[in-house]
Amino acid sequence: MTIRWVQADPLVMNGEPFCYGSRLTVRQLLELRRTGYSLTALIADHPELKRMGIAAAYAYAGNHRDRYAEFFEADGSLAGPGLTAAEAADLPDAYRAAGVVVKRPA
């Protein structure tokens, strides 16, 4: 069985896309990221989350920029810390988008 890491169901979370295995929506994860939450902090505070699910949520936002426009910087990257290159090294290509999932080098 393939897990759909980001799901939307009109009967769950008022239809807002959410991460599999959690009650956190993509929007909530983006808000946490924008306020400075790193992957380590997210997983420490929300152990039900998985690295793959967080990356999928960021990638989902990147594919739905119109819906999540307030979380994108002028250069097209997501606000806040993303995954490091090392944290994203073994993720599928779709989940390693530079500036969206993987933070841009400083």
PDB file of N, CA and C in Angstrom:
ATOM      1  N   MET A   1       0.831  -1.177   0.000  1.00  0.00           N
ATOM      2  CA  MET A   1       0.000   0.000   0.000  1.00  0.00           C
ATOM      3  C   MET A   1       0.880   1.247   0.000  1.00  0.00           C
ATOM      4  N   THR A   2       0.574   2.190  -0.857  1.00  0.00           N
ATOM      5  CA  THR A   2       1.292   3.451  -0.910  1.00  0.00           C
ATOM      6  C   THR A   2       0.585   4.468  -0.033  1.00  0.00           C
ATOM      7  N   ILE A   3       1.331   5.140   0.798  1.00  0.00           N
ATOM      8  CA  ILE A   3       0.751   6.143   1.684  1.00  0.00           C
ATOM      9  C   ILE A   3       0.647   7.474   0.936  1.00  0.00           C
ATOM     10  N   ARG A   4      -0.512   8.066   1.011  1.00  0.00           N
ATOM     11  CA  ARG A   4      -0.685   9.436   0.519  1.00  0.00           C
ATOM     12  C   ARG A   4      -0.395  10.332   1.714  1.00  0.00           C
ATOM     13  N   TRP A   5       0.752  10.965   1.724  1.00  0.00           N
ATOM     14  CA  TRP A   5       1.197  11.721   2.888  1.00  0.00           C
ATOM     15  C   TRP A   5       0.360  12.952   3.143  1.00  0.00           C
ATOM     16  N   VAL A   6      -0.173  13.549   2.087  1.00  0.00           N
ATOM     17  CA  VAL A   6      -1.073  14.691   2.245  1.00  0.00           C
ATOM     18  C   VAL A   6      -2.432  14.250   1.726  1.00  0.00           C
ATOM     19  N   GLN A   7      -3.429  14.408   2.580  1.00  0.00           N
ATOM     20  CA  GLN A   7      -4.780  13.983   2.226  1.00  0.00           C
ATOM     21  C   GLN A   7      -5.751  15.131   2.436  1.00  0.00           C
ATOM     22  N   ALA A   8      -6.834  15.116   1.696  1.00  0.00           N
ATOM     23  CA  ALA A   8      -7.919  16.081   1.880  1.00  0.00           C
ATOM     24  C   ALA A   8      -9.226  15.301   1.861  1.00  0.00           C
ATOM     25  N   ASP A   9     -10.036  15.568   2.852  1.00  0.00           N
ATOM     26  CA  ASP A   9     -11.325  14.902   2.978  1.00  0.00           C
ATOM     27  C   ASP A   9     -12.303  15.947   3.511  1.00  0.00           C
ATOM     28  N   PRO A  10     -13.416  16.172   2.827  1.00  0.00           N
ATOM     29  CA  PRO A  10     -14.351  17.205   3.286  1.00  0.00           C
ATOM     30  C   PRO A  10     -14.889  16.954   4.697  1.00  0.00           C
ATOM     31  N   LEU A  11     -14.793  15.728   5.184  1.00  0.00           N
ATOM     32  CA  LEU A  11     -15.281  15.408   6.523  1.00  0.00           C
ATOM     33  C   LEU A  11     -14.202  15.494   7.602  1.00  0.00           C
ATOM     34  N   VAL A  12     -12.967  15.774   7.198  1.00  0.00           N
ATOM     35  CA  VAL A  12     -11.848  15.871   8.146  1.00  0.00           C
ATOM     36  C   VAL A  12     -11.218  17.248   8.019  1.00  0.00           C
ATOM     37  N   MET A  13     -11.074  17.930   9.127  1.00  0.00           N
ATOM     38  CA  MET A  13     -10.427  19.257   9.170  1.00  0.00           C
ATOM     39  C   MET A  13     -11.076  20.237   8.187  1.00  0.00           C
ATOM     40  N   ASN A  14     -12.383  20.133   8.025  1.00  0.00           N
ATOM     41  CA  ASN A  14     -13.135  21.013   7.116  1.00  0.00           C
ATOM     42  C   ASN A  14     -12.592  20.995   5.695  1.00  0.00           C
ATOM     43  N   GLY A  15     -12.020  19.883   5.299  1.00  0.00           N
ATOM     44  CA  GLY A  15     -11.524  19.743   3.934  1.00  0.00           C
ATOM     45  C   GLY A  15     -10.131  20.295   3.714  1.00  0.00           C
ATOM     46  N   GLU A  16      -9.523  20.865   4.742  1.00  0.00           N
ATOM     47  CA  GLU A  16      -8.164  21.416   4.616  1.00  0.00           C
ATOM     48  C   GLU A  16      -7.178  20.254   4.481  1.00  0.00           C
ATOM     49  N   PRO A  17      -6.275  20.297   3.495  1.00  0.00           N
ATOM     50  CA  PRO A  17      -5.282  19.220   3.351  1.00  0.00           C
ATOM     51  C   PRO A  17      -4.470  19.042   4.640  1.00  0.00           C
ATOM     52  N   PHE A  18      -4.283  17.782   5.040  1.00  0.00           N
ATOM     53  CA  PHE A  18      -3.595  17.486   6.287  1.00  0.00           C
ATOM     54  C   PHE A  18      -2.586  16.368   6.072  1.00  0.00           C
ATOM     55  N   CYS A  19      -1.678  16.220   7.032  1.00  0.00           N
ATOM     56  CA  CYS A  19      -0.645  15.185   6.962  1.00  0.00           C
ATOM     57  C   CYS A  19      -1.168  13.871   7.502  1.00  0.00           C
ATOM     58  N   TYR A  20      -0.899  12.819   6.758  1.00  0.00           N
ATOM     59  CA  TYR A  20      -1.280  11.462   7.141  1.00  0.00           C
ATOM     60  C   TYR A  20      -0.796  11.152   8.556  1.00  0.00           C
ATOM     61  N   GLY A  21      -1.660  10.583   9.347  1.00  0.00           N
ATOM     62  CA  GLY A  21      -1.289  10.162  10.693  1.00  0.00           C
ATOM     63  C   GLY A  21      -1.295  11.274  11.715  1.00  0.00           C
ATOM     64  N   SER A  22      -1.738  12.463  11.340  1.00  0.00           N
ATOM     65  CA  SER A  22      -1.745  13.581  12.278  1.00  0.00           C
ATOM     66  C   SER A  22      -3.011  14.406  12.081  1.00  0.00           C
ATOM     67  N   ARG A  23      -3.183  15.373  12.928  1.00  0.00           N
ATOM     68  CA  ARG A  23      -4.272  16.335  12.796  1.00  0.00           C
ATOM     69  C   ARG A  23      -3.703  17.697  12.429  1.00  0.00           C
ATOM     70  N   LEU A  24      -2.523  17.704  11.856  1.00  0.00           N
ATOM     71  CA  LEU A  24      -1.894  18.951  11.430  1.00  0.00           C
ATOM     72  C   LEU A  24      -2.145  19.175   9.948  1.00  0.00           C
ATOM     73  N   THR A  25      -2.620  20.353   9.628  1.00  0.00           N
ATOM     74  CA  THR A  25      -2.866  20.679   8.229  1.00  0.00           C
ATOM     75  C   THR A  25      -1.582  21.200   7.583  1.00  0.00           C
ATOM     76  N   VAL A  26      -1.590  21.220   6.275  1.00  0.00           N
ATOM     77  CA  VAL A  26      -0.455  21.779   5.540  1.00  0.00           C
ATOM     78  C   VAL A  26      -0.259  23.231   5.965  1.00  0.00           C
ATOM     79  N   ARG A  27      -1.350  23.975   6.085  1.00  0.00           N
ATOM     80  CA  ARG A  27      -1.273  25.384   6.500  1.00  0.00           C
ATOM     81  C   ARG A  27      -0.614  25.522   7.878  1.00  0.00           C
ATOM     82  N   GLN A  28      -0.979  24.669   8.827  1.00  0.00           N
ATOM     83  CA  GLN A  28      -0.379  24.737  10.155  1.00  0.00           C
ATOM     84  C   GLN A  28       1.118  24.445  10.097  1.00  0.00           C
ATOM     85  N   LEU A  29       1.522  23.464   9.291  1.00  0.00           N
ATOM     86  CA  LEU A  29       2.952  23.165   9.152  1.00  0.00           C
ATOM     87  C   LEU A  29       3.699  24.341   8.531  1.00  0.00           C
ATOM     88  N   LEU A  30       3.085  25.002   7.556  1.00  0.00           N
ATOM     89  CA  LEU A  30       3.724  26.163   6.936  1.00  0.00           C
ATOM     90  C   LEU A  30       3.834  27.317   7.928  1.00  0.00           C
ATOM     91  N   GLU A  31       2.819  27.490   8.765  1.00  0.00           N
ATOM     92  CA  GLU A  31       2.884  28.532   9.796  1.00  0.00           C
ATOM     93  C   GLU A  31       3.996  28.242  10.798  1.00  0.00           C
ATOM     94  N   LEU A  32       4.122  26.983  11.200  1.00  0.00           N
ATOM     95  CA  LEU A  32       5.199  26.613  12.115  1.00  0.00           C
ATOM     96  C   LEU A  32       6.563  26.848  11.466  1.00  0.00           C
ATOM     97  N   ARG A  33       6.697  26.470  10.205  1.00  0.00           N
ATOM     98  CA  ARG A  33       7.961  26.671   9.497  1.00  0.00           C
ATOM     99  C   ARG A  33       8.283  28.159   9.415  1.00  0.00           C
ATOM    100  N   ARG A  34       7.282  28.972   9.086  1.00  0.00           N
ATOM    101  CA  ARG A  34       7.499  30.416   8.945  1.00  0.00           C
ATOM    102  C   ARG A  34       7.960  31.036  10.256  1.00  0.00           C
ATOM    103  N   THR A  35       7.527  30.472  11.380  1.00  0.00           N
ATOM    104  CA  THR A  35       7.935  31.010  12.676  1.00  0.00           C
ATOM    105  C   THR A  35       9.254  30.423  13.167  1.00  0.00           C
ATOM    106  N   GLY A  36       9.913  29.596  12.354  1.00  0.00           N
ATOM    107  CA  GLY A  36      11.253  29.142  12.670  1.00  0.00           C
ATOM    108  C   GLY A  36      11.411  27.690  13.068  1.00  0.00           C
ATOM    109  N   TYR A  37      10.338  26.906  13.023  1.00  0.00           N
ATOM    110  CA  TYR A  37      10.445  25.492  13.386  1.00  0.00           C
ATOM    111  C   TYR A  37      11.247  24.725  12.347  1.00  0.00           C
ATOM    112  N   SER A  38      12.261  24.043  12.807  1.00  0.00           N
ATOM    113  CA  SER A  38      13.063  23.171  11.948  1.00  0.00           C
ATOM    114  C   SER A  38      12.436  21.781  11.943  1.00  0.00           C
ATOM    115  N   LEU A  39      12.956  20.905  11.112  1.00  0.00           N
ATOM    116  CA  LEU A  39      12.479  19.522  11.067  1.00  0.00           C
ATOM    117  C   LEU A  39      12.609  18.878  12.438  1.00  0.00           C
ATOM    118  N   THR A  40      13.736  19.061  13.088  1.00  0.00           N
ATOM    119  CA  THR A  40      13.974  18.464  14.408  1.00  0.00           C
ATOM    120  C   THR A  40      12.952  18.950  15.422  1.00  0.00           C
ATOM    121  N   ALA A  41      12.675  20.240  15.433  1.00  0.00           N
ATOM    122  CA  ALA A  41      11.710  20.803  16.379  1.00  0.00           C
ATOM    123  C   ALA A  41      10.292  20.316  16.085  1.00  0.00           C
ATOM    124  N   LEU A  42       9.944  20.239  14.806  1.00  0.00           N
ATOM    125  CA  LEU A  42       8.614  19.749  14.434  1.00  0.00           C
ATOM    126  C   LEU A  42       8.383  18.325  14.922  1.00  0.00           C
ATOM    127  N   ILE A  43       9.363  17.462  14.689  1.00  0.00           N
ATOM    128  CA  ILE A  43       9.218  16.058  15.088  1.00  0.00           C
ATOM    129  C   ILE A  43       9.268  15.921  16.612  1.00  0.00           C
ATOM    130  N   ALA A  44      10.057  16.757  17.278  1.00  0.00           N
ATOM    131  CA  ALA A  44      10.103  16.712  18.743  1.00  0.00           C
ATOM    132  C   ALA A  44       8.761  17.110  19.348  1.00  0.00           C
ATOM    133  N   ASP A  45       8.125  18.133  18.797  1.00  0.00           N
ATOM    134  CA  ASP A  45       6.843  18.610  19.316  1.00  0.00           C
ATOM    135  C   ASP A  45       5.649  17.796  18.815  1.00  0.00           C
ATOM    136  N   HIS A  46       5.811  17.156  17.675  1.00  0.00           N
ATOM    137  CA  HIS A  46       4.722  16.384  17.063  1.00  0.00           C
ATOM    138  C   HIS A  46       5.272  15.030  16.602  1.00  0.00           C
ATOM    139  N   PRO A  47       5.495  14.113  17.537  1.00  0.00           N
ATOM    140  CA  PRO A  47       6.130  12.828  17.188  1.00  0.00           C
ATOM    141  C   PRO A  47       5.321  11.975  16.211  1.00  0.00           C
ATOM    142  N   GLU A  48       4.053  12.300  16.019  1.00  0.00           N
ATOM    143  CA  GLU A  48       3.256  11.550  15.051  1.00  0.00           C
ATOM    144  C   GLU A  48       3.644  11.882  13.612  1.00  0.00           C
ATOM    145  N   LEU A  49       4.337  13.000  13.422  1.00  0.00           N
ATOM    146  CA  LEU A  49       4.782  13.383  12.081  1.00  0.00           C
ATOM    147  C   LEU A  49       5.991  12.557  11.655  1.00  0.00           C
ATOM    148  N   LYS A  50       6.106  12.360  10.376  1.00  0.00           N
ATOM    149  CA  LYS A  50       7.253  11.675   9.787  1.00  0.00           C
ATOM    150  C   LYS A  50       7.948  12.646   8.839  1.00  0.00           C
ATOM    151  N   ARG A  51       9.233  12.461   8.672  1.00  0.00           N
ATOM    152  CA  ARG A  51      10.014  13.324   7.785  1.00  0.00           C
ATOM    153  C   ARG A  51       9.415  13.354   6.383  1.00  0.00           C
ATOM    154  N   MET A  52       9.007  12.202   5.891  1.00  0.00           N
ATOM    155  CA  MET A  52       8.423  12.112   4.553  1.00  0.00           C
ATOM    156  C   MET A  52       7.122  12.918   4.482  1.00  0.00           C
ATOM    157  N   GLY A  53       6.325  12.859   5.526  1.00  0.00           N
ATOM    158  CA  GLY A  53       5.069  13.601   5.554  1.00  0.00           C
ATOM    159  C   GLY A  53       5.274  15.103   5.571  1.00  0.00           C
ATOM    160  N   ILE A  54       6.256  15.552   6.328  1.00  0.00           N
ATOM    161  CA  ILE A  54       6.563  16.982   6.377  1.00  0.00           C
ATOM    162  C   ILE A  54       7.046  17.455   5.009  1.00  0.00           C
ATOM    163  N   ALA A  55       7.953  16.690   4.406  1.00  0.00           N
ATOM    164  CA  ALA A  55       8.449  17.037   3.069  1.00  0.00           C
ATOM    165  C   ALA A  55       7.311  17.040   2.058  1.00  0.00           C
ATOM    166  N   ALA A  56       6.396  16.089   2.175  1.00  0.00           N
ATOM    167  CA  ALA A  56       5.253  16.028   1.261  1.00  0.00           C
ATOM    168  C   ALA A  56       4.354  17.240   1.430  1.00  0.00           C
ATOM    169  N   ALA A  57       4.180  17.699   2.666  1.00  0.00           N
ATOM    170  CA  ALA A  57       3.362  18.893   2.915  1.00  0.00           C
ATOM    171  C   ALA A  57       3.998  20.119   2.269  1.00  0.00           C
ATOM    172  N   TYR A  58       5.315  20.255   2.395  1.00  0.00           N
ATOM    173  CA  TYR A  58       6.003  21.386   1.770  1.00  0.00           C
ATOM    174  C   TYR A  58       5.898  21.299   0.250  1.00  0.00           C
ATOM    175  N   ALA A  59       6.069  20.106  -0.290  1.00  0.00           N
ATOM    176  CA  ALA A  59       5.963  19.921  -1.743  1.00  0.00           C
ATOM    177  C   ALA A  59       4.537  20.204  -2.208  1.00  0.00           C
ATOM    178  N   TYR A  60       3.554  19.792  -1.425  1.00  0.00           N
ATOM    179  CA  TYR A  60       2.151  20.058  -1.757  1.00  0.00           C
ATOM    180  C   TYR A  60       1.919  21.567  -1.846  1.00  0.00           C
ATOM    181  N   ALA A  61       2.456  22.299  -0.879  1.00  0.00           N
ATOM    182  CA  ALA A  61       2.327  23.763  -0.911  1.00  0.00           C
ATOM    183  C   ALA A  61       2.988  24.335  -2.160  1.00  0.00           C
ATOM    184  N   GLY A  62       4.143  23.780  -2.529  1.00  0.00           N
ATOM    185  CA  GLY A  62       4.828  24.244  -3.732  1.00  0.00           C
ATOM    186  C   GLY A  62       4.024  23.998  -4.996  1.00  0.00           C
ATOM    187  N   ASN A  63       3.242  22.943  -5.003  1.00  0.00           N
ATOM    188  CA  ASN A  63       2.401  22.625  -6.154  1.00  0.00           C
ATOM    189  C   ASN A  63       1.059  23.345  -6.123  1.00  0.00           C
ATOM    190  N   HIS A  64       0.759  24.018  -5.014  1.00  0.00           N
ATOM    191  CA  HIS A  64      -0.491  24.755  -4.857  1.00  0.00           C
ATOM    192  C   HIS A  64      -0.192  26.171  -4.349  1.00  0.00           C
ATOM    193  N   ARG A  65       0.705  26.842  -5.036  1.00  0.00           N
ATOM    194  CA  ARG A  65       1.164  28.160  -4.601  1.00  0.00           C
ATOM    195  C   ARG A  65       0.044  29.185  -4.496  1.00  0.00           C
ATOM    196  N   ASP A  66      -0.962  29.055  -5.328  1.00  0.00           N
ATOM    197  CA  ASP A  66      -2.070  30.008  -5.245  1.00  0.00           C
ATOM    198  C   ASP A  66      -2.786  29.899  -3.895  1.00  0.00           C
ATOM    199  N   ARG A  67      -2.919  28.718  -3.377  1.00  0.00           N
ATOM    200  CA  ARG A  67      -3.605  28.481  -2.104  1.00  0.00           C
ATOM    201  C   ARG A  67      -2.759  28.921  -0.911  1.00  0.00           C
ATOM    202  N   TYR A  68      -1.435  28.828  -1.038  1.00  0.00           N
ATOM    203  CA  TYR A  68      -0.521  29.114   0.073  1.00  0.00           C
ATOM    204  C   TYR A  68       0.408  30.286  -0.224  1.00  0.00           C
ATOM    205  N   ALA A  69      -0.044  31.227  -1.016  1.00  0.00           N
ATOM    206  CA  ALA A  69       0.800  32.334  -1.486  1.00  0.00           C
ATOM    207  C   ALA A  69       1.445  33.125  -0.353  1.00  0.00           C
ATOM    208  N   GLU A  70       0.753  33.282   0.772  1.00  0.00           N
ATOM    209  CA  GLU A  70       1.299  34.102   1.863  1.00  0.00           C
ATOM    210  C   GLU A  70       2.529  33.487   2.520  1.00  0.00           C
ATOM    211  N   PHE A  71       2.818  32.229   2.232  1.00  0.00           N
ATOM    212  CA  PHE A  71       3.974  31.558   2.824  1.00  0.00           C
ATOM    213  C   PHE A  71       5.205  31.589   1.921  1.00  0.00           C
ATOM    214  N   PHE A  72       5.065  32.150   0.723  1.00  0.00           N
ATOM    215  CA  PHE A  72       6.183  32.190  -0.215  1.00  0.00           C
ATOM    216  C   PHE A  72       6.849  33.562  -0.219  1.00  0.00           C
ATOM    217  N   GLU A  73       8.176  33.548  -0.251  1.00  0.00           N
ATOM    218  CA  GLU A  73       8.975  34.771  -0.329  1.00  0.00           C
ATOM    219  C   GLU A  73       8.978  35.278  -1.767  1.00  0.00           C
ATOM    220  N   ALA A  74       9.473  36.483  -1.958  1.00  0.00           N
ATOM    221  CA  ALA A  74       9.534  37.084  -3.292  1.00  0.00           C
ATOM    222  C   ALA A  74      10.364  36.246  -4.268  1.00  0.00           C
ATOM    223  N   ASP A  75      11.384  35.524  -3.753  1.00  0.00           N
ATOM    224  CA  ASP A  75      12.234  34.709  -4.628  1.00  0.00           C
ATOM    225  C   ASP A  75      11.608  33.351  -4.962  1.00  0.00           C
ATOM    226  N   GLY A  76      10.394  33.085  -4.464  1.00  0.00           N
ATOM    227  CA  GLY A  76       9.706  31.833  -4.761  1.00  0.00           C
ATOM    228  C   GLY A  76       9.938  30.722  -3.760  1.00  0.00           C
ATOM    229  N   SER A  77      10.741  30.983  -2.731  1.00  0.00           N
ATOM    230  CA  SER A  77      10.992  29.953  -1.723  1.00  0.00           C
ATOM    231  C   SER A  77       9.986  30.081  -0.586  1.00  0.00           C
ATOM    232  N   LEU A  78       9.791  28.980   0.135  1.00  0.00           N
ATOM    233  CA  LEU A  78       8.921  29.008   1.303  1.00  0.00           C
ATOM    234  C   LEU A  78       9.620  29.725   2.438  1.00  0.00           C
ATOM    235  N   ALA A  79       8.870  30.489   3.220  1.00  0.00           N
ATOM    236  CA  ALA A  79       9.430  31.196   4.367  1.00  0.00           C
ATOM    237  C   ALA A  79       9.828  30.197   5.447  1.00  0.00           C
ATOM    238  N   GLY A  80      10.908  30.492   6.129  1.00  0.00           N
ATOM    239  CA  GLY A  80      11.349  29.673   7.249  1.00  0.00           C
ATOM    240  C   GLY A  80      12.291  28.562   6.847  1.00  0.00           C
ATOM    241  N   PRO A  81      12.791  27.855   7.879  1.00  0.00           N
ATOM    242  CA  PRO A  81      13.755  26.789   7.605  1.00  0.00           C
ATOM    243  C   PRO A  81      13.094  25.566   6.984  1.00  0.00           C
ATOM    244  N   GLY A  82      13.668  25.096   5.939  1.00  0.00           N
ATOM    245  CA  GLY A  82      13.223  23.837   5.344  1.00  0.00           C
ATOM    246  C   GLY A  82      14.114  22.722   5.822  1.00  0.00           C
ATOM    247  N   LEU A  83      14.109  21.633   5.119  1.00  0.00           N
ATOM    248  CA  LEU A  83      14.989  20.529   5.439  1.00  0.00           C
ATOM    249  C   LEU A  83      16.392  20.858   4.935  1.00  0.00           C
ATOM    250  N   THR A  84      17.390  20.338   5.608  1.00  0.00           N
ATOM    251  CA  THR A  84      18.747  20.496   5.105  1.00  0.00           C
ATOM    252  C   THR A  84      18.945  19.496   3.972  1.00  0.00           C
ATOM    253  N   ALA A  85      19.988  19.690   3.190  1.00  0.00           N
ATOM    254  CA  ALA A  85      20.286  18.747   2.108  1.00  0.00           C
ATOM    255  C   ALA A  85      20.496  17.339   2.668  1.00  0.00           C
ATOM    256  N   ALA A  86      21.123  17.242   3.834  1.00  0.00           N
ATOM    257  CA  ALA A  86      21.354  15.926   4.452  1.00  0.00           C
ATOM    258  C   ALA A  86      20.036  15.280   4.888  1.00  0.00           C
ATOM    259  N   GLU A  87      19.122  16.087   5.450  1.00  0.00           N
ATOM    260  CA  GLU A  87      17.833  15.552   5.888  1.00  0.00           C
ATOM    261  C   GLU A  87      16.980  15.074   4.714  1.00  0.00           C
ATOM    262  N   ALA A  88      17.185  15.683   3.548  1.00  0.00           N
ATOM    263  CA  ALA A  88      16.389  15.349   2.364  1.00  0.00           C
ATOM    264  C   ALA A  88      17.094  14.395   1.420  1.00  0.00           C
ATOM    265  N   ALA A  89      18.296  13.969   1.752  1.00  0.00           N
ATOM    266  CA  ALA A  89      19.115  13.177   0.831  1.00  0.00           C
ATOM    267  C   ALA A  89      18.443  11.922   0.313  1.00  0.00           C
ATOM    268  N   ASP A  90      17.709  11.216   1.152  1.00  0.00           N
ATOM    269  CA  ASP A  90      17.111   9.961   0.696  1.00  0.00           C
ATOM    270  C   ASP A  90      15.613  10.073   0.388  1.00  0.00           C
ATOM    271  N   LEU A  91      15.113  11.292   0.276  1.00  0.00           N
ATOM    272  CA  LEU A  91      13.713  11.486  -0.101  1.00  0.00           C
ATOM    273  C   LEU A  91      13.557  11.357  -1.616  1.00  0.00           C
ATOM    274  N   PRO A  92      12.373  11.013  -2.091  1.00  0.00           N
ATOM    275  CA  PRO A  92      12.143  10.989  -3.539  1.00  0.00           C
ATOM    276  C   PRO A  92      12.371  12.376  -4.149  1.00  0.00           C
ATOM    277  N   ASP A  93      12.722  12.411  -5.413  1.00  0.00           N
ATOM    278  CA  ASP A  93      13.013  13.682  -6.090  1.00  0.00           C
ATOM    279  C   ASP A  93      11.904  14.715  -5.918  1.00  0.00           C
ATOM    280  N   ALA A  94      10.659  14.288  -5.969  1.00  0.00           N
ATOM    281  CA  ALA A  94       9.533  15.219  -5.847  1.00  0.00           C
ATOM    282  C   ALA A  94       9.518  15.927  -4.495  1.00  0.00           C
ATOM    283  N   TYR A  95      10.179  15.350  -3.498  1.00  0.00           N
ATOM    284  CA  TYR A  95      10.195  15.925  -2.157  1.00  0.00           C
ATOM    285  C   TYR A  95      11.525  16.619  -1.832  1.00  0.00           C
ATOM    286  N   ARG A  96      12.315  16.923  -2.859  1.00  0.00           N
ATOM    287  CA  ARG A  96      13.588  17.605  -2.630  1.00  0.00           C
ATOM    288  C   ARG A  96      13.673  18.918  -3.385  1.00  0.00           C
ATOM    289  N   ALA A  97      12.549  19.586  -3.584  1.00  0.00           N
ATOM    290  CA  ALA A  97      12.534  20.845  -4.341  1.00  0.00           C
ATOM    291  C   ALA A  97      13.300  21.931  -3.578  1.00  0.00           C
ATOM    292  N   ALA A  98      14.310  22.483  -4.223  1.00  0.00           N
ATOM    293  CA  ALA A  98      15.127  23.537  -3.601  1.00  0.00           C
ATOM    294  C   ALA A  98      14.276  24.768  -3.347  1.00  0.00           C
ATOM    295  N   GLY A  99      14.409  25.317  -2.138  1.00  0.00           N
ATOM    296  CA  GLY A  99      13.671  26.508  -1.752  1.00  0.00           C
ATOM    297  C   GLY A  99      12.265  26.220  -1.261  1.00  0.00           C
ATOM    298  N   VAL A 100      11.769  25.050  -1.567  1.00  0.00           N
ATOM    299  CA  VAL A 100      10.433  24.682  -1.100  1.00  0.00           C
ATOM    300  C   VAL A 100      10.563  23.667   0.015  1.00  0.00           C
ATOM    301  N   VAL A 101      11.132  22.520  -0.260  1.00  0.00           N
ATOM    302  CA  VAL A 101      11.350  21.505   0.765  1.00  0.00           C
ATOM    303  C   VAL A 101      12.735  21.708   1.385  1.00  0.00           C
ATOM    304  N   VAL A 102      13.754  21.762   0.549  1.00  0.00           N
ATOM    305  CA  VAL A 102      15.121  21.946   1.006  1.00  0.00           C
ATOM    306  C   VAL A 102      15.420  23.432   1.066  1.00  0.00           C
ATOM    307  N   LYS A 103      15.918  23.884   2.212  1.00  0.00           N
ATOM    308  CA  LYS A 103      16.192  25.310   2.365  1.00  0.00           C
ATOM    309  C   LYS A 103      17.304  25.749   1.425  1.00  0.00           C
ATOM    310  N   ARG A 104      17.189  26.961   0.977  1.00  0.00           N
ATOM    311  CA  ARG A 104      18.214  27.525   0.091  1.00  0.00           C
ATOM    312  C   ARG A 104      19.482  27.797   0.898  1.00  0.00           C
ATOM    313  N   PRO A 105      20.641  27.585   0.287  1.00  0.00           N
ATOM    314  CA  PRO A 105      21.886  27.901   0.992  1.00  0.00           C
ATOM    315  C   PRO A 105      21.937  29.399   1.311  1.00  0.00           C
ATOM    316  N   ALA A 106      22.465  29.718   2.478  1.00  0.00           N
ATOM    317  CA  ALA A 106      22.555  31.136   2.910  1.00  0.00           C
ATOM    318  C   ALA A 106      23.608  31.887   2.154  1.00  0.00           C
TER     319      ALA A 106
END
